[in-house]
Amino acid sequence: MKTIDITDPKEIESVIQSCPYCMVGITDDEGNPYVVPMNFAYADGVVYLHSGPTGTKQALVKRRPQVCITFCHGHELVWMHEQMACSYSMKSRSVVCRGRVRLVEDMAEKRRALDLMMRHYTAAPCGYSEPAVRNVQVWAVKLDSLSCRSFGLRPSELGGR
């Protein structure tokens, strides 16, 4: 099985947009990883996330705003030889990004980010009360780096790569 790098920006965005959630890695005070699933929106090189105004991830990201965000899509068990354990793999595509959390305080920007998040999950029109927008914490993560890979490809699927 082969792994290939994906560099086409449209294909990378397609992987991100196809995911129902992402995994966000934060570092705790002892230097240990703390990884949580989060709902998100993605636009123009920025991942938007939301959380409550308090809690573990909120406290950690205020102290250490550098995060790693992972998206993974299309899990399919594949093998080259059904009787050979080492030929099994999980076919999937993933994007791993790094960036710094900026906590969004501006109410209009919060609403735009929340609109993007809701459009990621539903076509239904959604509104928000003023207290709900005020009390939600929106994170904006401008991506400093990202990599995208396709895993578990059979040689016949490489298409000249």
N, C-alpha and C. Protein backbone atom coordinates (compact mmCIF):
# COMPACT_ATOMS: atom_id res chain seq x y z
N MET A 1 0.84 -1.18 0.00
CA MET A 1 0.00 0.00 0.00
C MET A 1 0.89 1.24 0.00
N LYS A 2 0.40 2.26 -0.67
CA LYS A 2 1.19 3.48 -0.83
C LYS A 2 0.50 4.67 -0.17
N THR A 3 1.32 5.64 0.18
CA THR A 3 0.86 6.93 0.69
C THR A 3 1.36 7.99 -0.27
N ILE A 4 0.49 8.92 -0.64
CA ILE A 4 0.92 10.01 -1.51
C ILE A 4 0.57 11.35 -0.89
N ASP A 5 1.39 12.34 -1.17
CA ASP A 5 1.10 13.71 -0.75
C ASP A 5 0.10 14.32 -1.72
N ILE A 6 -0.84 15.06 -1.18
CA ILE A 6 -1.81 15.80 -2.00
C ILE A 6 -1.46 17.27 -1.87
N THR A 7 -1.26 17.94 -2.99
CA THR A 7 -0.86 19.35 -2.95
C THR A 7 -1.86 20.27 -3.63
N ASP A 8 -2.82 19.72 -4.35
CA ASP A 8 -3.82 20.54 -5.03
C ASP A 8 -4.74 21.20 -3.99
N PRO A 9 -4.75 22.55 -3.92
CA PRO A 9 -5.57 23.23 -2.90
C PRO A 9 -7.05 22.85 -2.95
N LYS A 10 -7.61 22.63 -4.13
CA LYS A 10 -9.03 22.25 -4.23
C LYS A 10 -9.28 20.86 -3.64
N GLU A 11 -8.35 19.95 -3.87
CA GLU A 11 -8.49 18.61 -3.31
C GLU A 11 -8.33 18.63 -1.79
N ILE A 12 -7.40 19.45 -1.31
CA ILE A 12 -7.21 19.59 0.14
C ILE A 12 -8.48 20.16 0.78
N GLU A 13 -9.04 21.20 0.18
CA GLU A 13 -10.27 21.78 0.72
C GLU A 13 -11.41 20.77 0.68
N SER A 14 -11.45 19.95 -0.36
CA SER A 14 -12.48 18.92 -0.47
C SER A 14 -12.39 17.92 0.70
N VAL A 15 -11.18 17.54 1.07
CA VAL A 15 -11.01 16.64 2.22
C VAL A 15 -11.54 17.31 3.48
N ILE A 16 -11.13 18.56 3.70
CA ILE A 16 -11.58 19.28 4.90
C ILE A 16 -13.10 19.41 4.93
N GLN A 17 -13.69 19.86 3.83
CA GLN A 17 -15.14 20.11 3.79
C GLN A 17 -15.95 18.82 3.91
N SER A 18 -15.36 17.67 3.57
CA SER A 18 -16.11 16.41 3.65
C SER A 18 -16.16 15.84 5.06
N CYS A 19 -15.43 16.41 5.99
CA CYS A 19 -15.36 15.88 7.35
C CYS A 19 -16.48 16.45 8.23
N PRO A 20 -17.10 15.60 9.04
CA PRO A 20 -18.15 16.09 9.94
C PRO A 20 -17.60 16.77 11.19
N TYR A 21 -16.35 16.53 11.53
CA TYR A 21 -15.72 17.16 12.68
C TYR A 21 -14.21 17.09 12.48
N CYS A 22 -13.48 17.75 13.35
CA CYS A 22 -12.02 17.68 13.33
C CYS A 22 -11.54 17.34 14.73
N MET A 23 -10.28 16.96 14.82
CA MET A 23 -9.65 16.69 16.11
C MET A 23 -8.66 17.82 16.36
N VAL A 24 -8.77 18.45 17.51
CA VAL A 24 -7.92 19.59 17.85
C VAL A 24 -7.00 19.18 18.99
N GLY A 25 -5.70 19.32 18.74
CA GLY A 25 -4.69 19.00 19.74
C GLY A 25 -4.16 20.27 20.38
N ILE A 26 -4.20 20.28 21.70
CA ILE A 26 -3.74 21.41 22.51
C ILE A 26 -2.71 20.84 23.48
N THR A 27 -1.79 21.65 23.94
CA THR A 27 -0.81 21.19 24.92
C THR A 27 -1.22 21.66 26.31
N ASP A 28 -1.22 20.73 27.28
CA ASP A 28 -1.59 21.13 28.64
C ASP A 28 -0.38 21.72 29.37
N ASP A 29 -0.56 22.10 30.62
CA ASP A 29 0.48 22.78 31.38
C ASP A 29 1.71 21.92 31.65
N GLU A 30 1.56 20.59 31.59
CA GLU A 30 2.70 19.69 31.80
C GLU A 30 3.35 19.30 30.48
N GLY A 31 2.87 19.86 29.37
CA GLY A 31 3.43 19.54 28.06
C GLY A 31 2.81 18.31 27.42
N ASN A 32 1.73 17.80 28.01
CA ASN A 32 1.04 16.63 27.46
C ASN A 32 0.02 17.04 26.42
N PRO A 33 -0.21 16.18 25.42
CA PRO A 33 -1.25 16.50 24.44
C PRO A 33 -2.65 16.32 25.03
N TYR A 34 -3.54 17.18 24.60
CA TYR A 34 -4.95 17.13 24.98
C TYR A 34 -5.70 17.27 23.65
N VAL A 35 -6.37 16.20 23.22
CA VAL A 35 -7.00 16.18 21.90
C VAL A 35 -8.51 16.02 22.06
N VAL A 36 -9.26 16.90 21.40
CA VAL A 36 -10.72 16.86 21.50
C VAL A 36 -11.35 16.98 20.12
N PRO A 37 -12.48 16.27 19.90
CA PRO A 37 -13.22 16.46 18.66
C PRO A 37 -14.00 17.77 18.74
N MET A 38 -14.05 18.50 17.62
CA MET A 38 -14.79 19.76 17.61
C MET A 38 -15.48 19.95 16.27
N ASN A 39 -16.63 20.61 16.30
CA ASN A 39 -17.29 21.04 15.08
C ASN A 39 -16.52 22.23 14.53
N PHE A 40 -16.64 22.49 13.24
CA PHE A 40 -15.79 23.51 12.63
C PHE A 40 -16.42 24.08 11.37
N ALA A 41 -15.78 25.11 10.88
CA ALA A 41 -16.01 25.65 9.54
C ALA A 41 -14.63 26.01 9.00
N TYR A 42 -14.50 25.99 7.67
CA TYR A 42 -13.23 26.33 7.04
C TYR A 42 -13.49 27.29 5.90
N ALA A 43 -12.74 28.38 5.87
CA ALA A 43 -12.84 29.34 4.77
C ALA A 43 -11.56 30.15 4.68
N ASP A 44 -11.03 30.27 3.48
CA ASP A 44 -9.89 31.15 3.20
C ASP A 44 -8.69 30.92 4.12
N GLY A 45 -8.35 29.66 4.36
CA GLY A 45 -7.18 29.36 5.16
C GLY A 45 -7.36 29.52 6.65
N VAL A 46 -8.61 29.64 7.10
CA VAL A 46 -8.90 29.80 8.53
C VAL A 46 -9.89 28.71 8.95
N VAL A 47 -9.59 28.04 10.06
CA VAL A 47 -10.51 27.09 10.66
C VAL A 47 -11.20 27.81 11.81
N TYR A 48 -12.53 27.76 11.82
CA TYR A 48 -13.32 28.36 12.90
C TYR A 48 -13.87 27.23 13.76
N LEU A 49 -13.74 27.40 15.06
CA LEU A 49 -14.20 26.43 16.04
C LEU A 49 -15.02 27.18 17.08
N HIS A 50 -15.77 26.45 17.88
CA HIS A 50 -16.47 27.13 18.96
C HIS A 50 -16.48 26.27 20.21
N SER A 51 -16.59 26.94 21.33
CA SER A 51 -16.63 26.24 22.62
C SER A 51 -17.43 27.09 23.59
N GLY A 52 -17.66 26.53 24.75
CA GLY A 52 -18.25 27.33 25.81
C GLY A 52 -17.22 28.33 26.30
N PRO A 53 -17.67 29.29 27.10
CA PRO A 53 -16.76 30.33 27.57
C PRO A 53 -15.77 29.85 28.63
N THR A 54 -16.03 28.69 29.23
CA THR A 54 -15.14 28.15 30.26
C THR A 54 -14.95 26.66 30.01
N GLY A 55 -14.00 26.08 30.71
CA GLY A 55 -13.76 24.64 30.59
C GLY A 55 -12.29 24.36 30.32
N THR A 56 -11.96 23.09 30.27
CA THR A 56 -10.57 22.68 30.14
C THR A 56 -9.93 23.18 28.85
N LYS A 57 -10.56 22.91 27.70
CA LYS A 57 -9.91 23.32 26.44
C LYS A 57 -9.81 24.83 26.34
N GLN A 58 -10.79 25.52 26.85
CA GLN A 58 -10.76 26.99 26.83
C GLN A 58 -9.60 27.51 27.68
N ALA A 59 -9.43 26.95 28.87
CA ALA A 59 -8.34 27.38 29.76
C ALA A 59 -6.98 27.06 29.13
N LEU A 60 -6.85 25.87 28.55
CA LEU A 60 -5.57 25.48 27.96
C LEU A 60 -5.21 26.34 26.76
N VAL A 61 -6.16 26.61 25.90
CA VAL A 61 -5.85 27.37 24.68
C VAL A 61 -5.53 28.83 24.99
N LYS A 62 -6.05 29.35 26.09
CA LYS A 62 -5.69 30.72 26.48
C LYS A 62 -4.22 30.79 26.90
N ARG A 63 -3.73 29.72 27.54
CA ARG A 63 -2.33 29.69 27.98
C ARG A 63 -1.38 29.26 26.86
N ARG A 64 -1.83 28.37 26.00
CA ARG A 64 -1.00 27.84 24.92
C ARG A 64 -1.83 27.81 23.64
N PRO A 65 -1.87 28.90 22.90
CA PRO A 65 -2.77 29.01 21.75
C PRO A 65 -2.34 28.25 20.50
N GLN A 66 -1.12 27.69 20.47
CA GLN A 66 -0.69 26.93 19.30
C GLN A 66 -1.41 25.59 19.29
N VAL A 67 -2.08 25.24 18.18
CA VAL A 67 -2.84 24.00 18.09
C VAL A 67 -2.48 23.23 16.83
N CYS A 68 -2.82 21.95 16.85
CA CYS A 68 -2.72 21.09 15.68
C CYS A 68 -4.14 20.58 15.42
N ILE A 69 -4.60 20.70 14.19
CA ILE A 69 -5.96 20.29 13.83
C ILE A 69 -5.84 19.21 12.76
N THR A 70 -6.56 18.10 12.96
CA THR A 70 -6.53 16.99 12.01
C THR A 70 -7.93 16.71 11.49
N PHE A 71 -8.01 16.54 10.18
CA PHE A 71 -9.24 16.14 9.49
C PHE A 71 -8.94 14.79 8.84
N CYS A 72 -9.86 13.85 8.90
CA CYS A 72 -9.64 12.55 8.26
C CYS A 72 -10.95 12.10 7.63
N HIS A 73 -10.85 11.57 6.40
CA HIS A 73 -12.04 11.28 5.61
C HIS A 73 -11.87 9.95 4.86
N GLY A 74 -12.99 9.25 4.66
CA GLY A 74 -13.07 8.12 3.74
C GLY A 74 -12.41 6.84 4.22
N HIS A 75 -12.65 6.45 5.42
CA HIS A 75 -12.03 5.23 5.96
C HIS A 75 -12.60 3.98 5.28
N GLU A 76 -11.69 3.18 4.74
CA GLU A 76 -12.08 1.93 4.08
C GLU A 76 -10.96 0.92 4.32
N LEU A 77 -11.30 -0.25 4.88
CA LEU A 77 -10.31 -1.29 5.08
C LEU A 77 -9.95 -1.91 3.74
N VAL A 78 -8.65 -1.94 3.41
CA VAL A 78 -8.18 -2.50 2.14
C VAL A 78 -7.00 -3.44 2.41
N TRP A 79 -6.75 -4.32 1.45
CA TRP A 79 -5.62 -5.24 1.56
C TRP A 79 -5.13 -5.61 0.17
N MET A 80 -3.87 -6.01 0.13
CA MET A 80 -3.29 -6.51 -1.12
C MET A 80 -3.49 -8.02 -1.22
N HIS A 81 -3.30 -8.73 -0.11
CA HIS A 81 -3.45 -10.19 -0.04
C HIS A 81 -4.25 -10.51 1.21
N GLU A 82 -5.45 -11.02 1.03
CA GLU A 82 -6.38 -11.21 2.14
C GLU A 82 -5.81 -12.04 3.29
N GLN A 83 -4.91 -12.97 3.02
CA GLN A 83 -4.35 -13.83 4.06
C GLN A 83 -3.07 -13.27 4.69
N MET A 84 -2.60 -12.11 4.25
CA MET A 84 -1.37 -11.52 4.77
C MET A 84 -1.68 -10.29 5.62
N ALA A 85 -1.53 -10.42 6.93
CA ALA A 85 -1.89 -9.34 7.85
C ALA A 85 -1.16 -8.03 7.52
N CYS A 86 0.12 -8.12 7.14
CA CYS A 86 0.88 -6.90 6.89
C CYS A 86 0.47 -6.20 5.60
N SER A 87 -0.42 -6.80 4.81
CA SER A 87 -0.87 -6.14 3.58
C SER A 87 -2.14 -5.33 3.81
N TYR A 88 -2.68 -5.36 5.02
CA TYR A 88 -3.89 -4.60 5.33
C TYR A 88 -3.55 -3.15 5.64
N SER A 89 -4.46 -2.27 5.29
CA SER A 89 -4.30 -0.86 5.58
C SER A 89 -5.68 -0.21 5.66
N MET A 90 -5.72 0.98 6.18
CA MET A 90 -6.95 1.76 6.19
C MET A 90 -6.80 2.83 5.12
N LYS A 91 -7.59 2.74 4.07
CA LYS A 91 -7.56 3.73 3.00
C LYS A 91 -8.30 4.97 3.48
N SER A 92 -7.63 6.10 3.41
CA SER A 92 -8.25 7.35 3.86
C SER A 92 -7.44 8.52 3.34
N ARG A 93 -7.98 9.70 3.54
CA ARG A 93 -7.26 10.94 3.24
C ARG A 93 -7.30 11.80 4.50
N SER A 94 -6.18 12.48 4.77
CA SER A 94 -6.15 13.31 5.97
C SER A 94 -5.43 14.62 5.69
N VAL A 95 -5.80 15.61 6.49
CA VAL A 95 -5.14 16.90 6.48
C VAL A 95 -4.73 17.20 7.90
N VAL A 96 -3.46 17.55 8.07
CA VAL A 96 -2.94 17.95 9.38
C VAL A 96 -2.48 19.40 9.27
N CYS A 97 -3.01 20.27 10.12
CA CYS A 97 -2.69 21.70 10.07
C CYS A 97 -2.21 22.18 11.43
N ARG A 98 -1.48 23.27 11.37
CA ARG A 98 -1.03 23.92 12.60
C ARG A 98 -1.32 25.41 12.50
N GLY A 99 -1.64 25.98 13.63
CA GLY A 99 -1.91 27.41 13.67
C GLY A 99 -2.08 27.87 15.10
N ARG A 100 -2.36 29.14 15.24
CA ARG A 100 -2.49 29.78 16.55
C ARG A 100 -3.93 30.26 16.72
N VAL A 101 -4.54 29.92 17.83
CA VAL A 101 -5.91 30.33 18.12
C VAL A 101 -5.97 31.82 18.44
N ARG A 102 -6.88 32.48 17.77
CA ARG A 102 -7.23 33.86 18.12
C ARG A 102 -8.67 33.80 18.59
N LEU A 103 -8.92 34.22 19.82
CA LEU A 103 -10.28 34.22 20.35
C LEU A 103 -11.03 35.42 19.79
N VAL A 104 -12.14 35.16 19.15
CA VAL A 104 -12.92 36.19 18.47
C VAL A 104 -13.83 36.87 19.48
N GLU A 105 -13.71 38.18 19.59
CA GLU A 105 -14.54 38.95 20.52
C GLU A 105 -15.58 39.81 19.81
N ASP A 106 -15.28 40.23 18.60
CA ASP A 106 -16.19 41.08 17.83
C ASP A 106 -17.48 40.31 17.50
N MET A 107 -18.62 40.88 17.87
CA MET A 107 -19.91 40.20 17.70
C MET A 107 -20.23 39.92 16.23
N ALA A 108 -19.95 40.85 15.35
CA ALA A 108 -20.24 40.64 13.93
C ALA A 108 -19.36 39.51 13.38
N GLU A 109 -18.10 39.48 13.76
CA GLU A 109 -17.21 38.41 13.30
C GLU A 109 -17.65 37.06 13.87
N LYS A 110 -18.10 37.05 15.12
CA LYS A 110 -18.61 35.81 15.71
C LYS A 110 -19.79 35.29 14.90
N ARG A 111 -20.72 36.19 14.56
CA ARG A 111 -21.89 35.78 13.78
C ARG A 111 -21.49 35.23 12.41
N ARG A 112 -20.53 35.87 11.75
CA ARG A 112 -20.05 35.36 10.44
C ARG A 112 -19.46 33.96 10.60
N ALA A 113 -18.66 33.76 11.63
CA ALA A 113 -18.06 32.45 11.87
C ALA A 113 -19.13 31.41 12.20
N LEU A 114 -20.08 31.77 13.01
CA LEU A 114 -21.18 30.85 13.34
C LEU A 114 -22.01 30.52 12.11
N ASP A 115 -22.25 31.51 11.26
CA ASP A 115 -22.96 31.25 9.99
C ASP A 115 -22.19 30.24 9.14
N LEU A 116 -20.87 30.40 9.04
CA LEU A 116 -20.05 29.44 8.28
C LEU A 116 -20.16 28.04 8.88
N MET A 117 -20.11 27.95 10.19
CA MET A 117 -20.23 26.65 10.85
C MET A 117 -21.58 26.01 10.56
N MET A 118 -22.64 26.79 10.68
CA MET A 118 -23.96 26.23 10.44
C MET A 118 -24.12 25.79 8.98
N ARG A 119 -23.57 26.55 8.04
CA ARG A 119 -23.65 26.17 6.62
C ARG A 119 -22.87 24.89 6.35
N HIS A 120 -21.86 24.61 7.16
CA HIS A 120 -21.12 23.35 7.01
C HIS A 120 -22.01 22.16 7.35
N TYR A 121 -22.99 22.35 8.24
CA TYR A 121 -23.80 21.25 8.74
C TYR A 121 -25.22 21.21 8.23
N THR A 122 -25.76 22.34 7.77
CA THR A 122 -27.15 22.35 7.34
C THR A 122 -27.39 23.48 6.34
N ALA A 123 -28.37 23.26 5.48
CA ALA A 123 -28.79 24.32 4.54
C ALA A 123 -29.92 25.15 5.15
N ALA A 124 -30.42 24.72 6.30
CA ALA A 124 -31.52 25.44 6.95
C ALA A 124 -31.03 26.81 7.45
N PRO A 125 -31.85 27.84 7.27
CA PRO A 125 -31.45 29.15 7.81
C PRO A 125 -31.46 29.10 9.34
N CYS A 126 -30.45 29.70 9.95
CA CYS A 126 -30.32 29.67 11.40
C CYS A 126 -30.09 31.08 11.93
N GLY A 127 -30.63 31.33 13.10
CA GLY A 127 -30.41 32.61 13.77
C GLY A 127 -29.85 32.37 15.16
N TYR A 128 -29.41 33.45 15.79
CA TYR A 128 -28.80 33.35 17.11
C TYR A 128 -29.30 34.50 17.96
N SER A 129 -29.56 34.21 19.22
CA SER A 129 -29.93 35.29 20.14
C SER A 129 -28.66 36.04 20.54
N GLU A 130 -28.84 37.26 20.94
CA GLU A 130 -27.71 38.08 21.38
C GLU A 130 -26.96 37.42 22.55
N PRO A 131 -27.67 36.90 23.58
CA PRO A 131 -26.95 36.24 24.67
C PRO A 131 -26.17 35.00 24.21
N ALA A 132 -26.73 34.25 23.25
CA ALA A 132 -26.03 33.05 22.76
C ALA A 132 -24.72 33.44 22.08
N VAL A 133 -24.74 34.48 21.26
CA VAL A 133 -23.52 34.91 20.57
C VAL A 133 -22.52 35.46 21.58
N ARG A 134 -23.01 36.22 22.54
CA ARG A 134 -22.13 36.80 23.54
C ARG A 134 -21.45 35.70 24.38
N ASN A 135 -22.17 34.62 24.67
CA ASN A 135 -21.66 33.58 25.58
C ASN A 135 -20.86 32.47 24.90
N VAL A 136 -20.92 32.36 23.59
CA VAL A 136 -20.13 31.34 22.91
C VAL A 136 -18.73 31.88 22.65
N GLN A 137 -17.74 31.01 22.76
CA GLN A 137 -16.38 31.42 22.42
C GLN A 137 -16.06 30.89 21.03
N VAL A 138 -15.75 31.77 20.11
CA VAL A 138 -15.37 31.39 18.75
C VAL A 138 -13.87 31.50 18.63
N TRP A 139 -13.28 30.47 18.06
CA TRP A 139 -11.84 30.43 17.83
C TRP A 139 -11.60 30.59 16.34
N ALA A 140 -10.67 31.42 15.96
CA ALA A 140 -10.23 31.55 14.57
C ALA A 140 -8.77 31.08 14.53
N VAL A 141 -8.50 30.07 13.71
CA VAL A 141 -7.14 29.53 13.60
C VAL A 141 -6.67 29.74 12.17
N LYS A 142 -5.85 30.77 11.96
CA LYS A 142 -5.25 30.98 10.64
C LYS A 142 -4.15 29.93 10.51
N LEU A 143 -4.23 29.14 9.45
CA LEU A 143 -3.31 28.02 9.31
C LEU A 143 -1.92 28.48 8.88
N ASP A 144 -0.93 28.12 9.68
CA ASP A 144 0.46 28.42 9.38
C ASP A 144 1.04 27.35 8.45
N SER A 145 0.58 26.12 8.62
CA SER A 145 1.06 25.03 7.78
C SER A 145 -0.03 23.98 7.67
N LEU A 146 0.04 23.22 6.59
CA LEU A 146 -0.85 22.07 6.45
C LEU A 146 -0.23 21.07 5.50
N SER A 147 -0.57 19.82 5.73
CA SER A 147 -0.16 18.76 4.82
C SER A 147 -1.36 17.85 4.61
N CYS A 148 -1.42 17.27 3.43
CA CYS A 148 -2.54 16.39 3.09
C CYS A 148 -1.96 15.13 2.46
N ARG A 149 -2.50 13.99 2.88
CA ARG A 149 -2.02 12.72 2.34
C ARG A 149 -3.18 11.77 2.10
N SER A 150 -2.96 10.90 1.14
CA SER A 150 -3.87 9.81 0.85
C SER A 150 -3.15 8.52 1.22
N PHE A 151 -3.78 7.70 2.05
CA PHE A 151 -3.18 6.48 2.58
C PHE A 151 -3.85 5.24 2.00
N GLY A 152 -3.12 4.14 2.00
CA GLY A 152 -3.70 2.85 1.68
C GLY A 152 -4.04 2.65 0.22
N LEU A 153 -3.32 3.31 -0.66
CA LEU A 153 -3.60 3.15 -2.09
C LEU A 153 -2.86 1.93 -2.63
N ARG A 154 -3.58 1.15 -3.42
CA ARG A 154 -2.94 0.04 -4.13
C ARG A 154 -2.13 0.63 -5.29
N PRO A 155 -1.07 -0.05 -5.72
CA PRO A 155 -0.28 0.47 -6.84
C PRO A 155 -1.14 0.81 -8.07
N SER A 156 -2.19 0.07 -8.32
CA SER A 156 -3.06 0.32 -9.47
C SER A 156 -3.85 1.62 -9.32
N GLU A 157 -3.94 2.16 -8.11
CA GLU A 157 -4.70 3.39 -7.86
C GLU A 157 -3.84 4.65 -7.91
N LEU A 158 -2.57 4.50 -8.15
CA LEU A 158 -1.67 5.65 -8.09
C LEU A 158 -1.77 6.53 -9.32
N GLY A 159 -2.26 6.03 -10.42
CA GLY A 159 -2.50 6.85 -11.61
C GLY A 159 -1.29 7.62 -12.09
N GLY A 160 -0.16 6.95 -12.24
CA GLY A 160 1.02 7.60 -12.79
C GLY A 160 1.84 8.38 -11.79
N ARG A 161 1.54 8.28 -10.52
CA ARG A 161 2.33 9.02 -9.51
C ARG A 161 3.54 8.23 -9.12
